[in-house]
Amino acid sequence: GSQDFAVARQWGQPSFYRNTTARPGDFLGLRLYRPATSPD
């Protein structure tokens, strides 16, 4: 429920920032789908 982010750098190593916030609030997370043609 705590969002992380990555940064691409021009001519440099990319960075990834993992969210380690100590006391985040509550969240609502939604993953929204429609039917797919593959049964798997």
ModelCIF file with pLDDT and N, C-alpha, C, O atoms, coordinates in Angstrom:
data_MODEL
#
_entry.id   MODEL 
#
_entity.id                         1 
_entity.type                       polymer 
_entity.pdbx_number_of_molecules   1 
#
_entity_poly.entity_id                      1 
_entity_poly.type                           'polypeptide(L)' 
_entity_poly.nstd_linkage                   no 
_entity_poly.nstd_monomer                   no 
_entity_poly.pdbx_seq_one_letter_code       GSQDFAVARQWGQPSFYRNTTARPGDFLGLRLYRPATSPD 
_entity_poly.pdbx_seq_one_letter_code_can   GSQDFAVARQWGQPSFYRNTTARPGDFLGLRLYRPATSPD 
_entity_poly.pdbx_strand_id                 A 
#
loop_
_entity_poly_seq.entity_id 
_entity_poly_seq.num 
_entity_poly_seq.mon_id 
_entity_poly_seq.hetero 
1 1  GLY n 
1 2  SER n 
1 3  GLN n 
1 4  ASP n 
1 5  PHE n 
1 6  ALA n 
1 7  VAL n 
1 8  ALA n 
1 9  ARG n 
1 10 GLN n 
1 11 TRP n 
1 12 GLY n 
1 13 GLN n 
1 14 PRO n 
1 15 SER n 
1 16 PHE n 
1 17 TYR n 
1 18 ARG n 
1 19 ASN n 
1 20 THR n 
1 21 THR n 
1 22 ALA n 
1 23 ARG n 
1 24 PRO n 
1 25 GLY n 
1 26 ASP n 
1 27 PHE n 
1 28 LEU n 
1 29 GLY n 
1 30 LEU n 
1 31 ARG n 
1 32 LEU n 
1 33 TYR n 
1 34 ARG n 
1 35 PRO n 
1 36 ALA n 
1 37 THR n 
1 38 SER n 
1 39 PRO n 
1 40 ASP n 
#
_struct_asym.id          A 
_struct_asym.entity_id   1 
#
loop_
_ma_qa_metric.id 
_ma_qa_metric.mode 
_ma_qa_metric.name 
_ma_qa_metric.software_group_id 
_ma_qa_metric.type 
1 global pLDDT . pLDDT 
2 local  pLDDT . pLDDT 
#
_ma_qa_metric_global.metric_id      1 
_ma_qa_metric_global.metric_value   97.30 
_ma_qa_metric_global.model_id       1 
_ma_qa_metric_global.ordinal_id     1 
#
loop_
_ma_qa_metric_local.label_asym_id 
_ma_qa_metric_local.label_comp_id 
_ma_qa_metric_local.label_seq_id 
_ma_qa_metric_local.metric_id 
_ma_qa_metric_local.metric_value 
_ma_qa_metric_local.model_id 
_ma_qa_metric_local.ordinal_id 
A GLY 1  2 97.00 1 1  
A SER 2  2 98.00 1 2  
A GLN 3  2 98.00 1 3  
A ASP 4  2 98.00 1 4  
A PHE 5  2 98.00 1 5  
A ALA 6  2 98.00 1 6  
A VAL 7  2 98.00 1 7  
A ALA 8  2 98.00 1 8  
A ARG 9  2 98.00 1 9  
A GLN 10 2 98.00 1 10 
A TRP 11 2 98.00 1 11 
A GLY 12 2 97.00 1 12 
A GLN 13 2 97.00 1 13 
A PRO 14 2 98.00 1 14 
A SER 15 2 97.00 1 15 
A PHE 16 2 98.00 1 16 
A TYR 17 2 98.00 1 17 
A ARG 18 2 98.00 1 18 
A ASN 19 2 98.00 1 19 
A THR 20 2 98.00 1 20 
A THR 21 2 97.00 1 21 
A ALA 22 2 96.00 1 22 
A ARG 23 2 95.00 1 23 
A PRO 24 2 97.00 1 24 
A GLY 25 2 97.00 1 25 
A ASP 26 2 97.00 1 26 
A PHE 27 2 98.00 1 27 
A LEU 28 2 98.00 1 28 
A GLY 29 2 98.00 1 29 
A LEU 30 2 98.00 1 30 
A ARG 31 2 98.00 1 31 
A LEU 32 2 98.00 1 32 
A TYR 33 2 98.00 1 33 
A ARG 34 2 98.00 1 34 
A PRO 35 2 98.00 1 35 
A ALA 36 2 97.00 1 36 
A THR 37 2 96.00 1 37 
A SER 38 2 96.00 1 38 
A PRO 39 2 93.00 1 39 
A ASP 40 2 93.00 1 40 
#
loop_
_atom_site.group_PDB 
_atom_site.id 
_atom_site.type_symbol 
_atom_site.label_atom_id 
_atom_site.label_alt_id 
_atom_site.label_comp_id 
_atom_site.label_asym_id 
_atom_site.label_entity_id 
_atom_site.label_seq_id 
_atom_site.pdbx_PDB_ins_code 
_atom_site.Cartn_x 
_atom_site.Cartn_y 
_atom_site.Cartn_z 
_atom_site.occupancy 
_atom_site.B_iso_or_equiv 
_atom_site.pdbx_formal_charge 
_atom_site.auth_seq_id 
_atom_site.auth_comp_id 
_atom_site.auth_asym_id 
_atom_site.auth_atom_id 
_atom_site.pdbx_PDB_model_num 
ATOM 1   N N  . GLY A 1 1  ? 0.782   -1.230  0.000   1.00 97.00 ? 1  GLY A N  1 
ATOM 2   C CA . GLY A 1 1  ? 0.000   0.000   0.000   1.00 97.00 ? 1  GLY A CA 1 
ATOM 3   C C  . GLY A 1 1  ? 0.808   1.270   0.000   1.00 97.00 ? 1  GLY A C  1 
ATOM 4   O O  . GLY A 1 1  ? 0.239   2.355   -0.122  1.00 97.00 ? 1  GLY A O  1 
ATOM 5   N N  . SER A 1 2  ? 2.144   1.172   0.136   1.00 98.00 ? 2  SER A N  1 
ATOM 6   C CA . SER A 1 2  ? 3.024   2.343   0.088   1.00 98.00 ? 2  SER A CA 1 
ATOM 7   C C  . SER A 1 2  ? 3.724   2.350   -1.267  1.00 98.00 ? 2  SER A C  1 
ATOM 8   O O  . SER A 1 2  ? 4.434   1.405   -1.609  1.00 98.00 ? 2  SER A O  1 
ATOM 9   N N  . GLN A 1 3  ? 3.525   3.404   -2.027  1.00 98.00 ? 3  GLN A N  1 
ATOM 10  C CA . GLN A 1 3  ? 4.020   3.429   -3.404  1.00 98.00 ? 3  GLN A CA 1 
ATOM 11  C C  . GLN A 1 3  ? 5.514   3.769   -3.458  1.00 98.00 ? 3  GLN A C  1 
ATOM 12  O O  . GLN A 1 3  ? 5.999   4.653   -2.753  1.00 98.00 ? 3  GLN A O  1 
ATOM 13  N N  . ASP A 1 4  ? 6.215   3.039   -4.314  1.00 98.00 ? 4  ASP A N  1 
ATOM 14  C CA . ASP A 1 4  ? 7.638   3.226   -4.556  1.00 98.00 ? 4  ASP A CA 1 
ATOM 15  C C  . ASP A 1 4  ? 7.814   3.918   -5.910  1.00 98.00 ? 4  ASP A C  1 
ATOM 16  O O  . ASP A 1 4  ? 6.849   4.068   -6.660  1.00 98.00 ? 4  ASP A O  1 
ATOM 17  N N  . PHE A 1 5  ? 9.041   4.339   -6.224  1.00 98.00 ? 5  PHE A N  1 
ATOM 18  C CA . PHE A 1 5  ? 9.254   4.909   -7.554  1.00 98.00 ? 5  PHE A CA 1 
ATOM 19  C C  . PHE A 1 5  ? 10.680  4.679   -8.031  1.00 98.00 ? 5  PHE A C  1 
ATOM 20  O O  . PHE A 1 5  ? 11.605  4.502   -7.238  1.00 98.00 ? 5  PHE A O  1 
ATOM 21  N N  . ALA A 1 6  ? 10.828  4.687   -9.354  1.00 98.00 ? 6  ALA A N  1 
ATOM 22  C CA . ALA A 1 6  ? 12.123  4.512   -10.011 1.00 98.00 ? 6  ALA A CA 1 
ATOM 23  C C  . ALA A 1 6  ? 12.390  5.711   -10.905 1.00 98.00 ? 6  ALA A C  1 
ATOM 24  O O  . ALA A 1 6  ? 11.463  6.320   -11.439 1.00 98.00 ? 6  ALA A O  1 
ATOM 25  N N  . VAL A 1 7  ? 13.673  6.045   -11.065 1.00 98.00 ? 7  VAL A N  1 
ATOM 26  C CA . VAL A 1 7  ? 14.088  7.194   -11.867 1.00 98.00 ? 7  VAL A CA 1 
ATOM 27  C C  . VAL A 1 7  ? 15.121  6.738   -12.892 1.00 98.00 ? 7  VAL A C  1 
ATOM 28  O O  . VAL A 1 7  ? 16.107  6.092   -12.538 1.00 98.00 ? 7  VAL A O  1 
ATOM 29  N N  . ALA A 1 8  ? 14.898  7.074   -14.159 1.00 98.00 ? 8  ALA A N  1 
ATOM 30  C CA . ALA A 1 8  ? 15.873  6.800   -15.220 1.00 98.00 ? 8  ALA A CA 1 
ATOM 31  C C  . ALA A 1 8  ? 16.767  8.021   -15.389 1.00 98.00 ? 8  ALA A C  1 
ATOM 32  O O  . ALA A 1 8  ? 16.292  9.156   -15.423 1.00 98.00 ? 8  ALA A O  1 
ATOM 33  N N  . ARG A 1 9  ? 18.069  7.769   -15.495 1.00 98.00 ? 9  ARG A N  1 
ATOM 34  C CA . ARG A 1 9  ? 19.033  8.873   -15.578 1.00 98.00 ? 9  ARG A CA 1 
ATOM 35  C C  . ARG A 1 9  ? 19.753  8.848   -16.928 1.00 98.00 ? 9  ARG A C  1 
ATOM 36  O O  . ARG A 1 9  ? 20.093  7.789   -17.455 1.00 98.00 ? 9  ARG A O  1 
ATOM 37  N N  . GLN A 1 10 ? 19.975  10.059  -17.471 1.00 98.00 ? 10 GLN A N  1 
ATOM 38  C CA . GLN A 1 10 ? 20.618  10.193  -18.763 1.00 98.00 ? 10 GLN A CA 1 
ATOM 39  C C  . GLN A 1 10 ? 22.125  10.074  -18.598 1.00 98.00 ? 10 GLN A C  1 
ATOM 40  O O  . GLN A 1 10 ? 22.773  10.947  -18.020 1.00 98.00 ? 10 GLN A O  1 
ATOM 41  N N  . TRP A 1 11 ? 22.675  8.974   -19.117 1.00 98.00 ? 11 TRP A N  1 
ATOM 42  C CA . TRP A 1 11 ? 24.098  8.675   -19.022 1.00 98.00 ? 11 TRP A CA 1 
ATOM 43  C C  . TRP A 1 11 ? 24.522  8.416   -17.577 1.00 98.00 ? 11 TRP A C  1 
ATOM 44  O O  . TRP A 1 11 ? 25.600  8.830   -17.150 1.00 98.00 ? 11 TRP A O  1 
ATOM 45  N N  . GLY A 1 12 ? 23.656  7.723   -16.833 1.00 97.00 ? 12 GLY A N  1 
ATOM 46  C CA . GLY A 1 12 ? 23.990  7.364   -15.460 1.00 97.00 ? 12 GLY A CA 1 
ATOM 47  C C  . GLY A 1 12 ? 23.167  6.184   -14.989 1.00 97.00 ? 12 GLY A C  1 
ATOM 48  O O  . GLY A 1 12 ? 22.232  5.754   -15.664 1.00 97.00 ? 12 GLY A O  1 
ATOM 49  N N  . GLN A 1 13 ? 23.525  5.660   -13.815 1.00 97.00 ? 13 GLN A N  1 
ATOM 50  C CA . GLN A 1 13 ? 22.843  4.517   -13.236 1.00 97.00 ? 13 GLN A CA 1 
ATOM 51  C C  . GLN A 1 13 ? 21.429  4.906   -12.807 1.00 97.00 ? 13 GLN A C  1 
ATOM 52  O O  . GLN A 1 13 ? 21.253  5.933   -12.150 1.00 97.00 ? 13 GLN A O  1 
ATOM 53  N N  . PRO A 1 14 ? 20.420  4.111   -13.162 1.00 98.00 ? 14 PRO A N  1 
ATOM 54  C CA . PRO A 1 14 ? 19.064  4.411   -12.699 1.00 98.00 ? 14 PRO A CA 1 
ATOM 55  C C  . PRO A 1 14 ? 18.944  4.218   -11.192 1.00 98.00 ? 14 PRO A C  1 
ATOM 56  O O  . PRO A 1 14 ? 19.769  3.547   -10.572 1.00 98.00 ? 14 PRO A O  1 
ATOM 57  N N  . SER A 1 15 ? 17.906  4.814   -10.612 1.00 97.00 ? 15 SER A N  1 
ATOM 58  C CA . SER A 1 15 ? 17.699  4.758   -9.165  1.00 97.00 ? 15 SER A CA 1 
ATOM 59  C C  . SER A 1 15 ? 16.325  4.179   -8.854  1.00 97.00 ? 15 SER A C  1 
ATOM 60  O O  . SER A 1 15 ? 15.360  4.417   -9.580  1.00 97.00 ? 15 SER A O  1 
ATOM 61  N N  . PHE A 1 16 ? 16.248  3.412   -7.758  1.00 98.00 ? 16 PHE A N  1 
ATOM 62  C CA . PHE A 1 16 ? 14.969  2.914   -7.264  1.00 98.00 ? 16 PHE A CA 1 
ATOM 63  C C  . PHE A 1 16 ? 14.824  3.335   -5.808  1.00 98.00 ? 16 PHE A C  1 
ATOM 64  O O  . PHE A 1 16 ? 15.717  3.112   -4.991  1.00 98.00 ? 16 PHE A O  1 
ATOM 65  N N  . TYR A 1 17 ? 13.683  3.947   -5.494  1.00 98.00 ? 17 TYR A N  1 
ATOM 66  C CA . TYR A 1 17 ? 13.435  4.439   -4.141  1.00 98.00 ? 17 TYR A CA 1 
ATOM 67  C C  . TYR A 1 17 ? 12.292  3.633   -3.533  1.00 98.00 ? 17 TYR A C  1 
ATOM 68  O O  . TYR A 1 17 ? 11.127  3.798   -3.893  1.00 98.00 ? 17 TYR A O  1 
ATOM 69  N N  . ARG A 1 18 ? 12.660  2.754   -2.599  1.00 98.00 ? 18 ARG A N  1 
ATOM 70  C CA . ARG A 1 18 ? 11.656  1.957   -1.907  1.00 98.00 ? 18 ARG A CA 1 
ATOM 71  C C  . ARG A 1 18 ? 11.049  2.788   -0.783  1.00 98.00 ? 18 ARG A C  1 
ATOM 72  O O  . ARG A 1 18 ? 11.763  3.415   0.000   1.00 98.00 ? 18 ARG A O  1 
ATOM 73  N N  . ASN A 1 19 ? 9.734   2.784   -0.715  1.00 98.00 ? 19 ASN A N  1 
ATOM 74  C CA . ASN A 1 19 ? 9.011   3.572   0.279   1.00 98.00 ? 19 ASN A CA 1 
ATOM 75  C C  . ASN A 1 19 ? 9.107   2.886   1.638   1.00 98.00 ? 19 ASN A C  1 
ATOM 76  O O  . ASN A 1 19 ? 8.584   1.788   1.828   1.00 98.00 ? 19 ASN A O  1 
ATOM 77  N N  . THR A 1 20 ? 9.777   3.540   2.575   1.00 98.00 ? 20 THR A N  1 
ATOM 78  C CA . THR A 1 20 ? 9.936   3.002   3.926   1.00 98.00 ? 20 THR A CA 1 
ATOM 79  C C  . THR A 1 20 ? 9.305   3.930   4.962   1.00 98.00 ? 20 THR A C  1 
ATOM 80  O O  . THR A 1 20 ? 9.733   3.971   6.116   1.00 98.00 ? 20 THR A O  1 
ATOM 81  N N  . THR A 1 21 ? 8.278   4.678   4.534   1.00 97.00 ? 21 THR A N  1 
ATOM 82  C CA . THR A 1 21 ? 7.580   5.571   5.455   1.00 97.00 ? 21 THR A CA 1 
ATOM 83  C C  . THR A 1 21 ? 7.140   4.800   6.694   1.00 97.00 ? 21 THR A C  1 
ATOM 84  O O  . THR A 1 21 ? 6.514   3.745   6.590   1.00 97.00 ? 21 THR A O  1 
ATOM 85  N N  . ALA A 1 22 ? 7.473   5.336   7.870   1.00 96.00 ? 22 ALA A N  1 
ATOM 86  C CA . ALA A 1 22 ? 7.279   4.584   9.116   1.00 96.00 ? 22 ALA A CA 1 
ATOM 87  C C  . ALA A 1 22 ? 5.813   4.418   9.484   1.00 96.00 ? 22 ALA A C  1 
ATOM 88  O O  . ALA A 1 22 ? 5.402   3.339   9.910   1.00 96.00 ? 22 ALA A O  1 
ATOM 89  N N  . ARG A 1 23 ? 5.026   5.463   9.327   1.00 95.00 ? 23 ARG A N  1 
ATOM 90  C CA . ARG A 1 23 ? 3.628   5.403   9.765   1.00 95.00 ? 23 ARG A CA 1 
ATOM 91  C C  . ARG A 1 23 ? 2.707   5.949   8.675   1.00 95.00 ? 23 ARG A C  1 
ATOM 92  O O  . ARG A 1 23 ? 2.124   7.020   8.843   1.00 95.00 ? 23 ARG A O  1 
ATOM 93  N N  . PRO A 1 24 ? 2.568   5.221   7.554   1.00 97.00 ? 24 PRO A N  1 
ATOM 94  C CA . PRO A 1 24 ? 1.667   5.696   6.505   1.00 97.00 ? 24 PRO A CA 1 
ATOM 95  C C  . PRO A 1 24 ? 0.214   5.568   6.941   1.00 97.00 ? 24 PRO A C  1 
ATOM 96  O O  . PRO A 1 24 ? -0.113  4.781   7.829   1.00 97.00 ? 24 PRO A O  1 
ATOM 97  N N  . GLY A 1 25 ? -0.642  6.343   6.311   1.00 97.00 ? 25 GLY A N  1 
ATOM 98  C CA . GLY A 1 25 ? -2.066  6.246   6.584   1.00 97.00 ? 25 GLY A CA 1 
ATOM 99  C C  . GLY A 1 25 ? -2.682  5.028   5.918   1.00 97.00 ? 25 GLY A C  1 
ATOM 100 O O  . GLY A 1 25 ? -1.988  4.240   5.276   1.00 97.00 ? 25 GLY A O  1 
ATOM 101 N N  . ASP A 1 26 ? -3.976  4.882   6.075   1.00 97.00 ? 26 ASP A N  1 
ATOM 102 C CA . ASP A 1 26 ? -4.694  3.801   5.412   1.00 97.00 ? 26 ASP A CA 1 
ATOM 103 C C  . ASP A 1 26 ? -4.780  4.101   3.915   1.00 97.00 ? 26 ASP A C  1 
ATOM 104 O O  . ASP A 1 26 ? -4.583  5.239   3.487   1.00 97.00 ? 26 ASP A O  1 
ATOM 105 N N  . PHE A 1 27 ? -5.077  3.069   3.129   1.00 98.00 ? 27 PHE A N  1 
ATOM 106 C CA . PHE A 1 27 ? -5.144  3.252   1.687   1.00 98.00 ? 27 PHE A CA 1 
ATOM 107 C C  . PHE A 1 27 ? -6.235  2.383   1.094   1.00 98.00 ? 27 PHE A C  1 
ATOM 108 O O  . PHE A 1 27 ? -6.649  1.385   1.684   1.00 98.00 ? 27 PHE A O  1 
ATOM 109 N N  . LEU A 1 28 ? -6.688  2.778   -0.071  1.00 98.00 ? 28 LEU A N  1 
ATOM 110 C CA . LEU A 1 28 ? -7.551  1.950   -0.906  1.00 98.00 ? 28 LEU A CA 1 
ATOM 111 C C  . LEU A 1 28 ? -6.810  1.704   -2.203  1.00 98.00 ? 28 LEU A C  1 
ATOM 112 O O  . LEU A 1 28 ? -6.492  2.645   -2.929  1.00 98.00 ? 28 LEU A O  1 
ATOM 113 N N  . GLY A 1 29 ? -6.532  0.436   -2.500  1.00 98.00 ? 29 GLY A N  1 
ATOM 114 C CA . GLY A 1 29 ? -5.845  0.068   -3.734  1.00 98.00 ? 29 GLY A CA 1 
ATOM 115 C C  . GLY A 1 29 ? -6.774  -0.707  -4.645  1.00 98.00 ? 29 GLY A C  1 
ATOM 116 O O  . GLY A 1 29 ? -7.410  -1.670  -4.215  1.00 98.00 ? 29 GLY A O  1 
ATOM 117 N N  . LEU A 1 30 ? -6.858  -0.290  -5.917  1.00 98.00 ? 30 LEU A N  1 
ATOM 118 C CA . LEU A 1 30 ? -7.752  -0.926  -6.883  1.00 98.00 ? 30 LEU A CA 1 
ATOM 119 C C  . LEU A 1 30 ? -6.962  -1.439  -8.082  1.00 98.00 ? 30 LEU A C  1 
ATOM 120 O O  . LEU A 1 30 ? -6.167  -0.715  -8.683  1.00 98.00 ? 30 LEU A O  1 
ATOM 121 N N  . ARG A 1 31 ? -7.202  -2.715  -8.417  1.00 98.00 ? 31 ARG A N  1 
ATOM 122 C CA . ARG A 1 31 ? -6.704  -3.305  -9.658  1.00 98.00 ? 31 ARG A CA 1 
ATOM 123 C C  . ARG A 1 31 ? -7.928  -3.643  -10.497 1.00 98.00 ? 31 ARG A C  1 
ATOM 124 O O  . ARG A 1 31 ? -8.729  -4.506  -10.138 1.00 98.00 ? 31 ARG A O  1 
ATOM 125 N N  . LEU A 1 32 ? -8.058  -2.945  -11.626 1.00 98.00 ? 32 LEU A N  1 
ATOM 126 C CA . LEU A 1 32 ? -9.289  -2.999  -12.411 1.00 98.00 ? 32 LEU A CA 1 
ATOM 127 C C  . LEU A 1 32 ? -9.046  -3.754  -13.721 1.00 98.00 ? 32 LEU A C  1 
ATOM 128 O O  . LEU A 1 32 ? -8.124  -3.444  -14.476 1.00 98.00 ? 32 LEU A O  1 
ATOM 129 N N  . TYR A 1 33 ? -9.899  -4.751  -13.968 1.00 98.00 ? 33 TYR A N  1 
ATOM 130 C CA . TYR A 1 33 ? -9.739  -5.611  -15.136 1.00 98.00 ? 33 TYR A CA 1 
ATOM 131 C C  . TYR A 1 33 ? -11.027 -5.679  -15.938 1.00 98.00 ? 33 TYR A C  1 
ATOM 132 O O  . TYR A 1 33 ? -12.115 -5.397  -15.434 1.00 98.00 ? 33 TYR A O  1 
ATOM 133 N N  . ARG A 1 34 ? -10.877 -6.059  -17.197 1.00 98.00 ? 34 ARG A N  1 
ATOM 134 C CA . ARG A 1 34 ? -11.967 -6.533  -18.028 1.00 98.00 ? 34 ARG A CA 1 
ATOM 135 C C  . ARG A 1 34 ? -11.621 -7.953  -18.472 1.00 98.00 ? 34 ARG A C  1 
ATOM 136 O O  . ARG A 1 34 ? -10.452 -8.334  -18.403 1.00 98.00 ? 34 ARG A O  1 
ATOM 137 N N  . PRO A 1 35 ? -12.589 -8.750  -18.924 1.00 98.00 ? 35 PRO A N  1 
ATOM 138 C CA . PRO A 1 35 ? -12.293 -10.136 -19.295 1.00 98.00 ? 35 PRO A CA 1 
ATOM 139 C C  . PRO A 1 35 ? -11.245 -10.217 -20.402 1.00 98.00 ? 35 PRO A C  1 
ATOM 140 O O  . PRO A 1 35 ? -11.280 -9.441  -21.357 1.00 98.00 ? 35 PRO A O  1 
ATOM 141 N N  . ALA A 1 36 ? -10.317 -11.153 -20.268 1.00 97.00 ? 36 ALA A N  1 
ATOM 142 C CA . ALA A 1 36 ? -9.259  -11.361 -21.254 1.00 97.00 ? 36 ALA A CA 1 
ATOM 143 C C  . ALA A 1 36 ? -9.563  -12.592 -22.100 1.00 97.00 ? 36 ALA A C  1 
ATOM 144 O O  . ALA A 1 36 ? -10.348 -13.450 -21.698 1.00 97.00 ? 36 ALA A O  1 
ATOM 145 N N  . THR A 1 37 ? -8.945  -12.673 -23.263 1.00 96.00 ? 37 THR A N  1 
ATOM 146 C CA . THR A 1 37 ? -9.164  -13.817 -24.142 1.00 96.00 ? 37 THR A CA 1 
ATOM 147 C C  . THR A 1 37 ? -8.425  -15.059 -23.674 1.00 96.00 ? 37 THR A C  1 
ATOM 148 O O  . THR A 1 37 ? -8.818  -16.172 -24.023 1.00 96.00 ? 37 THR A O  1 
ATOM 149 N N  . SER A 1 38 ? -7.354  -14.894 -22.885 1.00 96.00 ? 38 SER A N  1 
ATOM 150 C CA . SER A 1 38 ? -6.616  -16.048 -22.371 1.00 96.00 ? 38 SER A CA 1 
ATOM 151 C C  . SER A 1 38 ? -7.227  -16.505 -21.049 1.00 96.00 ? 38 SER A C  1 
ATOM 152 O O  . SER A 1 38 ? -7.394  -15.694 -20.138 1.00 96.00 ? 38 SER A O  1 
ATOM 153 N N  . PRO A 1 39 ? -7.568  -17.806 -20.927 1.00 93.00 ? 39 PRO A N  1 
ATOM 154 C CA . PRO A 1 39 ? -8.149  -18.285 -19.667 1.00 93.00 ? 39 PRO A CA 1 
ATOM 155 C C  . PRO A 1 39 ? -7.142  -18.346 -18.533 1.00 93.00 ? 39 PRO A C  1 
ATOM 156 O O  . PRO A 1 39 ? -7.532  -18.489 -17.374 1.00 93.00 ? 39 PRO A O  1 
ATOM 157 N N  . ASP A 1 40 ? -5.856  -18.239 -18.839 1.00 93.00 ? 40 ASP A N  1 
ATOM 158 C CA . ASP A 1 40 ? -4.813  -18.349 -17.816 1.00 93.00 ? 40 ASP A CA 1 
ATOM 159 C C  . ASP A 1 40 ? -4.455  -17.006 -17.197 1.00 93.00 ? 40 ASP A C  1 
ATOM 160 O O  . ASP A 1 40 ? -3.593  -16.941 -16.320 1.00 93.00 ? 40 ASP A O  1 
#
